[in-house]
């Protein structure tokens, strides 16, 4: 997808948090959180182009995959703790 960048943070418990960005980091940020069974990509960039539209309007869009969803991992504590 044009205009998107995917990155990941490795957290203290070795789980990773994947996120998409669109737009310029110097623009005002907006955080988009996906629904409970979806991913950032499907909610904000595939099924609805709102993420790219917000970037076109001058926002820096940050859309994480919540822990255990999409490309983000979950620790056993998250799943069973």
N, C-alpha and C. Protein backbone atom coordinates (compact mmCIF):
# COMPACT_ATOMS: atom_id res chain seq x y z
N UNK A 1 0.83 -1.19 0.00
CA UNK A 1 0.00 0.00 0.00
C UNK A 1 0.87 1.24 0.00
N UNK A 2 0.62 2.15 -0.86
CA UNK A 2 1.39 3.37 -1.00
C UNK A 2 1.15 4.30 0.20
N UNK A 3 2.22 4.93 0.69
CA UNK A 3 2.09 5.90 1.77
C UNK A 3 2.11 5.31 3.15
N UNK A 4 2.20 3.99 3.27
CA UNK A 4 2.22 3.34 4.57
C UNK A 4 3.62 2.87 4.92
N UNK A 5 3.90 2.88 6.20
CA UNK A 5 5.15 2.33 6.69
C UNK A 5 4.82 1.43 7.88
N UNK A 6 5.44 0.26 7.96
CA UNK A 6 5.21 -0.64 9.08
C UNK A 6 6.48 -0.71 9.92
N UNK A 7 6.31 -0.63 11.23
CA UNK A 7 7.42 -0.72 12.18
C UNK A 7 6.99 -1.59 13.35
N UNK A 8 7.92 -1.89 14.23
CA UNK A 8 7.60 -2.66 15.42
C UNK A 8 8.50 -2.22 16.57
N UNK A 9 7.96 -2.25 17.75
CA UNK A 9 8.71 -2.00 18.98
C UNK A 9 8.83 -3.33 19.71
N UNK A 10 9.98 -3.62 20.28
CA UNK A 10 10.13 -4.79 21.13
C UNK A 10 10.01 -4.30 22.56
N UNK A 11 9.06 -4.86 23.29
CA UNK A 11 8.77 -4.43 24.65
C UNK A 11 9.64 -5.18 25.66
N UNK A 12 9.59 -4.76 26.91
CA UNK A 12 10.46 -5.32 27.96
C UNK A 12 10.29 -6.83 28.15
N UNK A 13 9.14 -7.37 27.81
CA UNK A 13 8.91 -8.81 27.98
C UNK A 13 9.11 -9.57 26.67
N UNK A 14 9.82 -8.97 25.72
CA UNK A 14 10.14 -9.56 24.41
C UNK A 14 8.95 -9.75 23.49
N UNK A 15 7.80 -9.20 23.84
CA UNK A 15 6.70 -9.19 22.87
C UNK A 15 6.93 -8.00 21.94
N UNK A 16 6.34 -8.05 20.77
CA UNK A 16 6.52 -6.95 19.83
C UNK A 16 5.17 -6.29 19.55
N UNK A 17 5.23 -4.99 19.37
CA UNK A 17 4.05 -4.21 19.04
C UNK A 17 4.26 -3.65 17.64
N UNK A 18 3.50 -4.15 16.69
CA UNK A 18 3.59 -3.72 15.30
C UNK A 18 2.65 -2.54 15.08
N UNK A 19 3.09 -1.59 14.27
CA UNK A 19 2.22 -0.45 13.98
C UNK A 19 2.47 0.09 12.59
N UNK A 20 1.43 0.70 12.03
CA UNK A 20 1.50 1.35 10.73
C UNK A 20 1.52 2.86 10.94
N UNK A 21 2.23 3.55 10.06
CA UNK A 21 2.18 5.00 10.07
C UNK A 21 1.92 5.49 8.65
N UNK A 22 1.31 6.65 8.56
CA UNK A 22 1.08 7.31 7.28
C UNK A 22 1.17 8.80 7.52
N UNK A 23 1.74 9.53 6.57
CA UNK A 23 1.90 10.96 6.71
C UNK A 23 3.28 11.31 7.22
N UNK A 24 3.46 12.57 7.52
CA UNK A 24 4.76 13.09 7.97
C UNK A 24 4.82 13.14 9.49
N UNK A 25 5.92 12.65 10.09
CA UNK A 25 6.06 12.73 11.55
C UNK A 25 6.03 14.16 12.10
N UNK A 26 6.23 15.14 11.25
CA UNK A 26 6.18 16.53 11.72
C UNK A 26 4.74 17.07 11.79
N UNK A 27 3.78 16.31 11.24
CA UNK A 27 2.38 16.73 11.30
C UNK A 27 1.76 16.35 12.64
N UNK A 28 0.60 16.91 12.93
CA UNK A 28 -0.11 16.59 14.18
C UNK A 28 -0.46 15.10 14.19
N UNK A 29 -0.13 14.39 15.29
CA UNK A 29 -0.40 12.96 15.32
C UNK A 29 -1.86 12.63 15.64
N UNK A 30 -2.31 11.52 15.10
CA UNK A 30 -3.61 10.97 15.44
C UNK A 30 -3.41 9.46 15.60
N UNK A 31 -3.97 8.91 16.67
CA UNK A 31 -3.82 7.49 16.99
C UNK A 31 -5.13 6.77 16.66
N UNK A 32 -5.05 5.74 15.82
CA UNK A 32 -6.23 4.95 15.45
C UNK A 32 -6.11 3.57 16.08
N UNK A 33 -7.09 3.17 16.88
CA UNK A 33 -7.09 1.86 17.55
C UNK A 33 -8.16 0.99 16.89
N UNK A 34 -7.76 -0.21 16.47
CA UNK A 34 -8.69 -1.10 15.77
C UNK A 34 -9.66 -1.79 16.72
N UNK A 35 -10.69 -2.43 16.15
CA UNK A 35 -11.67 -3.18 16.92
C UNK A 35 -11.07 -4.44 17.52
N UNK A 36 -11.81 -5.10 18.37
CA UNK A 36 -11.27 -6.21 19.17
C UNK A 36 -10.85 -7.43 18.36
N UNK A 37 -11.40 -7.64 17.19
CA UNK A 37 -11.01 -8.84 16.44
C UNK A 37 -10.33 -8.51 15.12
N UNK A 38 -9.99 -7.26 14.91
CA UNK A 38 -9.42 -6.83 13.64
C UNK A 38 -7.95 -6.46 13.79
N UNK A 39 -7.41 -5.85 12.75
CA UNK A 39 -6.04 -5.34 12.76
C UNK A 39 -6.06 -3.88 12.31
N UNK A 40 -4.99 -3.18 12.57
CA UNK A 40 -4.90 -1.78 12.14
C UNK A 40 -5.04 -1.68 10.63
N UNK A 41 -4.38 -2.58 9.91
CA UNK A 41 -4.42 -2.52 8.45
C UNK A 41 -5.82 -2.73 7.91
N UNK A 42 -6.53 -3.74 8.43
CA UNK A 42 -7.86 -4.01 7.89
C UNK A 42 -8.87 -2.94 8.29
N UNK A 43 -8.79 -2.44 9.53
CA UNK A 43 -9.76 -1.43 9.98
C UNK A 43 -9.56 -0.06 9.34
N UNK A 44 -8.31 0.39 9.20
CA UNK A 44 -8.06 1.78 8.84
C UNK A 44 -7.48 1.99 7.45
N UNK A 45 -7.07 0.91 6.76
CA UNK A 45 -6.44 1.11 5.46
C UNK A 45 -7.02 0.22 4.36
N UNK A 46 -7.61 -0.92 4.67
CA UNK A 46 -8.16 -1.82 3.65
C UNK A 46 -9.67 -1.64 3.54
N UNK A 47 -10.40 -1.96 4.60
CA UNK A 47 -11.87 -1.86 4.57
C UNK A 47 -12.35 -0.42 4.53
N UNK A 48 -11.57 0.47 5.11
CA UNK A 48 -11.90 1.89 5.13
C UNK A 48 -10.60 2.66 4.91
N UNK A 49 -10.56 3.57 3.96
CA UNK A 49 -9.32 4.31 3.69
C UNK A 49 -9.10 5.51 4.60
N UNK A 50 -9.73 5.52 5.78
CA UNK A 50 -9.66 6.70 6.64
C UNK A 50 -8.23 7.03 7.05
N UNK A 51 -7.37 6.03 7.25
CA UNK A 51 -5.99 6.29 7.64
C UNK A 51 -5.25 7.10 6.60
N UNK A 52 -5.35 6.70 5.34
CA UNK A 52 -4.68 7.44 4.26
C UNK A 52 -5.33 8.81 4.06
N UNK A 53 -6.64 8.89 4.21
CA UNK A 53 -7.33 10.17 4.05
C UNK A 53 -6.87 11.17 5.10
N UNK A 54 -6.73 10.71 6.35
CA UNK A 54 -6.25 11.59 7.42
C UNK A 54 -4.83 12.08 7.12
N UNK A 55 -3.99 11.19 6.58
CA UNK A 55 -2.63 11.58 6.21
C UNK A 55 -2.67 12.64 5.11
N UNK A 56 -3.56 12.47 4.14
CA UNK A 56 -3.71 13.46 3.06
C UNK A 56 -4.16 14.82 3.61
N UNK A 57 -4.91 14.80 4.70
CA UNK A 57 -5.40 16.03 5.32
C UNK A 57 -4.37 16.68 6.23
N UNK A 58 -3.18 16.09 6.34
CA UNK A 58 -2.11 16.70 7.11
C UNK A 58 -1.89 16.15 8.50
N UNK A 59 -2.36 14.95 8.77
CA UNK A 59 -2.13 14.31 10.06
C UNK A 59 -1.08 13.22 9.93
N UNK A 60 -0.37 12.96 11.02
CA UNK A 60 0.54 11.82 11.09
C UNK A 60 -0.22 10.69 11.77
N UNK A 61 -0.59 9.69 11.01
CA UNK A 61 -1.43 8.60 11.48
C UNK A 61 -0.56 7.49 12.07
N UNK A 62 -0.90 7.07 13.29
CA UNK A 62 -0.24 5.96 13.96
C UNK A 62 -1.32 4.94 14.29
N UNK A 63 -1.18 3.73 13.76
CA UNK A 63 -2.22 2.71 13.93
C UNK A 63 -1.57 1.39 14.36
N UNK A 64 -1.56 1.11 15.68
CA UNK A 64 -0.94 -0.12 16.15
C UNK A 64 -1.86 -1.34 16.01
N UNK A 65 -1.23 -2.50 15.86
CA UNK A 65 -1.95 -3.76 16.05
C UNK A 65 -1.86 -4.04 17.55
N UNK A 66 -3.01 -4.09 18.22
CA UNK A 66 -3.01 -4.35 19.66
C UNK A 66 -2.34 -5.69 19.96
N UNK A 67 -1.85 -5.84 21.17
CA UNK A 67 -1.13 -7.06 21.55
C UNK A 67 -1.97 -8.29 21.25
N UNK A 68 -1.35 -9.26 20.57
CA UNK A 68 -2.03 -10.50 20.23
C UNK A 68 -2.87 -10.43 18.97
N UNK A 69 -2.85 -9.29 18.28
CA UNK A 69 -3.62 -9.12 17.04
C UNK A 69 -2.67 -8.76 15.91
N UNK A 70 -3.06 -9.11 14.68
CA UNK A 70 -2.27 -8.77 13.52
C UNK A 70 -0.84 -9.26 13.65
N UNK A 71 0.12 -8.36 13.47
CA UNK A 71 1.54 -8.72 13.55
C UNK A 71 2.15 -8.47 14.91
N UNK A 72 1.34 -8.05 15.90
CA UNK A 72 1.84 -7.89 17.26
C UNK A 72 1.72 -9.21 17.99
N UNK A 73 2.67 -9.46 18.88
CA UNK A 73 2.65 -10.71 19.64
C UNK A 73 2.04 -10.46 21.02
N UNK A 74 1.73 -11.54 21.70
CA UNK A 74 1.23 -11.47 23.06
C UNK A 74 2.05 -12.43 23.92
N UNK A 75 2.28 -12.03 25.15
CA UNK A 75 2.99 -12.94 26.05
C UNK A 75 1.99 -13.95 26.62
N UNK A 76 2.52 -15.02 27.19
CA UNK A 76 1.63 -16.01 27.81
C UNK A 76 0.86 -15.38 28.97
N UNK A 77 1.45 -14.36 29.62
CA UNK A 77 0.75 -13.64 30.67
C UNK A 77 -0.49 -12.93 30.13
N UNK A 78 -0.36 -12.33 28.94
CA UNK A 78 -1.50 -11.64 28.32
C UNK A 78 -2.61 -12.63 28.04
N UNK A 79 -2.25 -13.82 27.58
CA UNK A 79 -3.25 -14.79 27.18
C UNK A 79 -3.84 -15.58 28.33
N UNK A 80 -3.01 -15.89 29.34
CA UNK A 80 -3.46 -16.79 30.40
C UNK A 80 -3.35 -16.21 31.79
N UNK A 81 -2.81 -14.99 31.93
CA UNK A 81 -2.56 -14.42 33.26
C UNK A 81 -3.70 -13.69 33.77
